[in-house]
């Protein structure tokens, strides 16, 4: 993993941990539903940011390496992985 992305991803994961603990406390104390929903949506947005970092790392390291490989199977695997990421994001957006 690229060091700069690793640092940012760990930072994002720690923020997510705090957000999740906050959400749990909100539910336990039966806070106003709209506030709980707002916190939950903020967590989802943070997860999206983390996923973007992880995809960036994967594309700039593993996929790049596979695409520059002289091995045709590596090239095909890189394309398959990019299509899989695309498919996953499309399925989530259509829900």
N, C-alpha and C. Protein backbone atom coordinates (compact mmCIF):
# COMPACT_ATOMS: atom_id res chain seq x y z
N UNK A 1 0.85 -1.18 0.00
CA UNK A 1 0.00 0.00 0.00
C UNK A 1 0.89 1.24 0.00
N UNK A 2 0.49 2.21 -0.80
CA UNK A 2 1.25 3.46 -0.83
C UNK A 2 1.18 4.11 0.55
N UNK A 3 2.29 4.61 1.03
CA UNK A 3 2.38 5.15 2.38
C UNK A 3 1.44 6.35 2.59
N UNK A 4 1.34 7.23 1.60
CA UNK A 4 0.47 8.39 1.74
C UNK A 4 -1.00 7.98 1.85
N UNK A 5 -1.39 7.00 1.06
CA UNK A 5 -2.78 6.53 1.11
C UNK A 5 -3.03 5.75 2.39
N UNK A 6 -2.06 4.96 2.81
CA UNK A 6 -2.21 4.21 4.06
C UNK A 6 -2.46 5.16 5.23
N UNK A 7 -1.69 6.23 5.28
CA UNK A 7 -1.83 7.22 6.36
C UNK A 7 -3.24 7.84 6.33
N UNK A 8 -3.68 8.23 5.16
CA UNK A 8 -5.00 8.84 5.02
C UNK A 8 -6.12 7.84 5.32
N UNK A 9 -5.95 6.58 4.89
CA UNK A 9 -6.97 5.55 5.12
C UNK A 9 -7.07 5.23 6.61
N UNK A 10 -5.95 5.14 7.29
CA UNK A 10 -5.98 4.90 8.74
C UNK A 10 -6.65 6.05 9.48
N UNK A 11 -6.35 7.27 9.06
CA UNK A 11 -6.98 8.45 9.66
C UNK A 11 -8.50 8.39 9.46
N UNK A 12 -8.93 8.07 8.24
CA UNK A 12 -10.35 7.96 7.93
C UNK A 12 -11.00 6.85 8.76
N UNK A 13 -10.30 5.72 8.94
CA UNK A 13 -10.84 4.60 9.72
C UNK A 13 -11.02 4.99 11.18
N UNK A 14 -10.09 5.76 11.71
CA UNK A 14 -10.21 6.22 13.10
C UNK A 14 -11.39 7.17 13.26
N UNK A 15 -11.57 8.04 12.28
CA UNK A 15 -12.74 8.94 12.31
C UNK A 15 -14.02 8.12 12.27
N UNK A 16 -14.06 7.12 11.40
CA UNK A 16 -15.23 6.25 11.30
C UNK A 16 -15.52 5.55 12.62
N UNK A 17 -14.48 5.09 13.29
CA UNK A 17 -14.65 4.45 14.59
C UNK A 17 -15.33 5.38 15.58
N UNK A 18 -14.89 6.63 15.61
CA UNK A 18 -15.51 7.62 16.49
C UNK A 18 -16.96 7.90 16.10
N UNK A 19 -17.20 7.99 14.80
CA UNK A 19 -18.56 8.22 14.34
C UNK A 19 -19.48 7.07 14.72
N UNK A 20 -18.98 5.84 14.59
CA UNK A 20 -19.78 4.67 14.94
C UNK A 20 -20.07 4.62 16.44
N UNK A 21 -19.07 4.94 17.26
CA UNK A 21 -19.29 4.97 18.71
C UNK A 21 -20.33 6.05 19.05
N UNK A 22 -20.25 7.18 18.37
CA UNK A 22 -21.23 8.25 18.59
C UNK A 22 -22.63 7.81 18.20
N UNK A 23 -22.74 7.10 17.09
CA UNK A 23 -24.03 6.60 16.65
C UNK A 23 -24.61 5.62 17.66
N UNK A 24 -23.77 4.74 18.16
CA UNK A 24 -24.21 3.77 19.16
C UNK A 24 -24.75 4.48 20.40
N UNK A 25 -24.05 5.50 20.86
CA UNK A 25 -24.50 6.26 22.04
C UNK A 25 -25.83 6.96 21.75
N UNK A 26 -25.97 7.48 20.55
CA UNK A 26 -27.22 8.16 20.18
C UNK A 26 -28.40 7.19 20.22
N UNK A 27 -28.17 5.98 19.72
CA UNK A 27 -29.23 4.98 19.73
C UNK A 27 -29.55 4.56 21.16
N UNK A 28 -28.51 4.32 21.96
CA UNK A 28 -28.72 3.92 23.36
C UNK A 28 -29.51 4.96 24.14
N UNK A 29 -29.22 6.23 23.89
CA UNK A 29 -29.90 7.30 24.63
C UNK A 29 -31.19 7.76 23.95
N UNK A 30 -31.56 7.04 22.90
CA UNK A 30 -32.81 7.29 22.18
C UNK A 30 -32.95 8.75 21.74
N UNK A 31 -31.91 9.25 21.13
CA UNK A 31 -31.95 10.62 20.62
C UNK A 31 -32.93 10.73 19.46
N UNK A 32 -33.20 11.93 19.06
CA UNK A 32 -34.15 12.23 18.00
C UNK A 32 -33.76 11.48 16.72
N UNK A 33 -34.74 10.81 16.13
CA UNK A 33 -34.49 9.93 14.97
C UNK A 33 -33.76 10.65 13.84
N UNK A 34 -34.13 11.86 13.55
CA UNK A 34 -33.49 12.59 12.44
C UNK A 34 -32.01 12.82 12.73
N UNK A 35 -31.66 13.04 13.99
CA UNK A 35 -30.25 13.21 14.34
C UNK A 35 -29.48 11.91 14.16
N UNK A 36 -30.10 10.79 14.52
CA UNK A 36 -29.47 9.49 14.35
C UNK A 36 -29.28 9.19 12.86
N UNK A 37 -30.30 9.48 12.07
CA UNK A 37 -30.21 9.26 10.62
C UNK A 37 -29.12 10.13 10.01
N UNK A 38 -29.04 11.37 10.45
CA UNK A 38 -28.00 12.28 9.94
C UNK A 38 -26.61 11.72 10.25
N UNK A 39 -26.43 11.21 11.46
CA UNK A 39 -25.14 10.61 11.84
C UNK A 39 -24.85 9.37 11.00
N UNK A 40 -25.86 8.55 10.78
CA UNK A 40 -25.69 7.34 9.96
C UNK A 40 -25.29 7.71 8.53
N UNK A 41 -25.91 8.72 7.98
CA UNK A 41 -25.58 9.15 6.62
C UNK A 41 -24.16 9.71 6.55
N UNK A 42 -23.75 10.40 7.61
CA UNK A 42 -22.37 10.92 7.65
C UNK A 42 -21.37 9.77 7.65
N UNK A 43 -21.71 8.71 8.36
CA UNK A 43 -20.84 7.52 8.39
C UNK A 43 -20.75 6.90 7.00
N UNK A 44 -21.88 6.81 6.32
CA UNK A 44 -21.89 6.25 4.96
C UNK A 44 -21.01 7.08 4.03
N UNK A 45 -21.08 8.39 4.17
CA UNK A 45 -20.25 9.27 3.34
C UNK A 45 -18.77 9.05 3.66
N UNK A 46 -18.45 8.89 4.93
CA UNK A 46 -17.07 8.62 5.34
C UNK A 46 -16.58 7.29 4.79
N UNK A 47 -17.45 6.28 4.80
CA UNK A 47 -17.09 4.99 4.22
C UNK A 47 -16.81 5.14 2.72
N UNK A 48 -17.60 5.96 2.06
CA UNK A 48 -17.37 6.22 0.64
C UNK A 48 -15.99 6.84 0.41
N UNK A 49 -15.60 7.77 1.29
CA UNK A 49 -14.28 8.40 1.17
C UNK A 49 -13.17 7.37 1.38
N UNK A 50 -13.36 6.47 2.35
CA UNK A 50 -12.38 5.42 2.60
C UNK A 50 -12.29 4.49 1.38
N UNK A 51 -13.44 4.10 0.84
CA UNK A 51 -13.44 3.24 -0.34
C UNK A 51 -12.72 3.89 -1.51
N UNK A 52 -12.91 5.18 -1.68
CA UNK A 52 -12.25 5.89 -2.78
C UNK A 52 -10.73 5.83 -2.61
N UNK A 53 -10.26 6.00 -1.38
CA UNK A 53 -8.82 5.89 -1.13
C UNK A 53 -8.30 4.49 -1.45
N UNK A 54 -9.06 3.48 -1.05
CA UNK A 54 -8.64 2.10 -1.28
C UNK A 54 -8.63 1.77 -2.77
N UNK A 55 -9.61 2.27 -3.49
CA UNK A 55 -9.63 2.05 -4.94
C UNK A 55 -8.46 2.77 -5.60
N UNK A 56 -8.20 4.00 -5.15
CA UNK A 56 -7.06 4.74 -5.70
C UNK A 56 -5.77 3.96 -5.49
N UNK A 57 -5.58 3.43 -4.28
CA UNK A 57 -4.39 2.64 -4.01
C UNK A 57 -4.31 1.43 -4.92
N UNK A 58 -5.41 0.73 -5.05
CA UNK A 58 -5.43 -0.48 -5.86
C UNK A 58 -5.11 -0.17 -7.33
N UNK A 59 -5.69 0.90 -7.84
CA UNK A 59 -5.45 1.26 -9.24
C UNK A 59 -4.01 1.69 -9.49
N UNK A 60 -3.46 2.47 -8.56
CA UNK A 60 -2.11 3.00 -8.77
C UNK A 60 -1.01 2.01 -8.42
N UNK A 61 -1.35 0.92 -7.77
CA UNK A 61 -0.34 -0.08 -7.43
C UNK A 61 -0.60 -1.38 -8.20
N UNK A 62 -1.53 -2.15 -7.72
CA UNK A 62 -1.77 -3.48 -8.28
C UNK A 62 -2.23 -3.46 -9.74
N UNK A 63 -3.24 -2.67 -10.04
CA UNK A 63 -3.77 -2.66 -11.40
C UNK A 63 -2.73 -2.11 -12.37
N UNK A 64 -2.06 -1.05 -11.97
CA UNK A 64 -1.02 -0.48 -12.82
C UNK A 64 0.07 -1.52 -13.12
N UNK A 65 0.47 -2.23 -12.09
CA UNK A 65 1.50 -3.28 -12.26
C UNK A 65 1.00 -4.37 -13.21
N UNK A 66 -0.25 -4.79 -13.02
CA UNK A 66 -0.80 -5.85 -13.87
C UNK A 66 -0.93 -5.40 -15.33
N UNK A 67 -1.31 -4.14 -15.54
CA UNK A 67 -1.48 -3.63 -16.90
C UNK A 67 -0.14 -3.51 -17.63
N UNK A 68 0.92 -3.26 -16.88
CA UNK A 68 2.24 -3.13 -17.50
C UNK A 68 2.99 -4.46 -17.60
N UNK A 69 2.35 -5.50 -17.12
CA UNK A 69 2.96 -6.82 -17.18
C UNK A 69 2.91 -7.36 -18.61
N UNK A 70 3.91 -8.15 -18.96
CA UNK A 70 3.90 -8.79 -20.28
C UNK A 70 3.02 -10.05 -20.29
N UNK A 71 2.57 -10.44 -19.10
CA UNK A 71 1.71 -11.61 -18.96
C UNK A 71 0.26 -11.23 -19.27
N UNK A 72 -0.29 -11.84 -20.29
CA UNK A 72 -1.65 -11.51 -20.73
C UNK A 72 -2.68 -11.79 -19.64
N UNK A 73 -2.46 -12.82 -18.82
CA UNK A 73 -3.39 -13.14 -17.74
C UNK A 73 -3.44 -12.01 -16.71
N UNK A 74 -2.30 -11.39 -16.44
CA UNK A 74 -2.26 -10.24 -15.53
C UNK A 74 -3.08 -9.08 -16.10
N UNK A 75 -2.92 -8.83 -17.40
CA UNK A 75 -3.68 -7.76 -18.06
C UNK A 75 -5.18 -8.02 -17.94
N UNK A 76 -5.58 -9.26 -18.21
CA UNK A 76 -7.00 -9.62 -18.14
C UNK A 76 -7.54 -9.49 -16.71
N UNK A 77 -6.73 -9.89 -15.73
CA UNK A 77 -7.16 -9.79 -14.33
C UNK A 77 -7.36 -8.32 -13.95
N UNK A 78 -6.49 -7.46 -14.41
CA UNK A 78 -6.62 -6.03 -14.11
C UNK A 78 -7.93 -5.49 -14.67
N UNK A 79 -8.25 -5.84 -15.88
CA UNK A 79 -9.50 -5.38 -16.50
C UNK A 79 -10.70 -5.95 -15.73
N UNK A 80 -10.64 -7.23 -15.36
CA UNK A 80 -11.72 -7.85 -14.60
C UNK A 80 -11.95 -7.13 -13.28
N UNK A 81 -10.86 -6.79 -12.60
CA UNK A 81 -10.99 -6.10 -11.31
C UNK A 81 -11.57 -4.70 -11.47
N UNK A 82 -11.16 -3.98 -12.51
CA UNK A 82 -11.72 -2.66 -12.74
C UNK A 82 -13.22 -2.75 -13.05
N UNK A 83 -13.60 -3.75 -13.85
CA UNK A 83 -15.01 -3.94 -14.16
C UNK A 83 -15.81 -4.33 -12.92
N UNK A 84 -15.21 -5.13 -12.05
CA UNK A 84 -15.88 -5.53 -10.82
C UNK A 84 -16.14 -4.32 -9.93
N UNK A 85 -15.15 -3.45 -9.79
CA UNK A 85 -15.33 -2.23 -9.00
C UNK A 85 -16.44 -1.38 -9.61
N UNK A 86 -16.42 -1.24 -10.92
CA UNK A 86 -17.45 -0.47 -11.61
C UNK A 86 -18.83 -1.08 -11.35
N UNK A 87 -18.94 -2.39 -11.48
CA UNK A 87 -20.22 -3.07 -11.28
C UNK A 87 -20.73 -2.88 -9.85
N UNK A 88 -19.84 -3.02 -8.87
CA UNK A 88 -20.23 -2.85 -7.48
C UNK A 88 -20.75 -1.43 -7.23
N UNK A 89 -20.05 -0.45 -7.75
CA UNK A 89 -20.49 0.94 -7.52
C UNK A 89 -21.79 1.23 -8.26
N UNK A 90 -21.99 0.67 -9.42
CA UNK A 90 -23.25 0.87 -10.14
C UNK A 90 -24.41 0.25 -9.41
N UNK A 91 -24.21 -0.94 -8.85
CA UNK A 91 -25.28 -1.61 -8.11
C UNK A 91 -25.66 -0.83 -6.86
N UNK A 92 -24.69 -0.23 -6.19
CA UNK A 92 -24.98 0.55 -4.99
C UNK A 92 -25.70 1.85 -5.32
N UNK A 93 -25.37 2.44 -6.47
CA UNK A 93 -26.00 3.70 -6.85
C UNK A 93 -27.45 3.51 -7.28
N UNK A 94 -27.78 2.33 -7.79
CA UNK A 94 -29.13 2.10 -8.30
C UNK A 94 -30.11 1.73 -7.21
N UNK A 95 -29.63 1.53 -5.99
CA UNK A 95 -30.51 1.16 -4.88
C UNK A 95 -31.11 2.37 -4.22
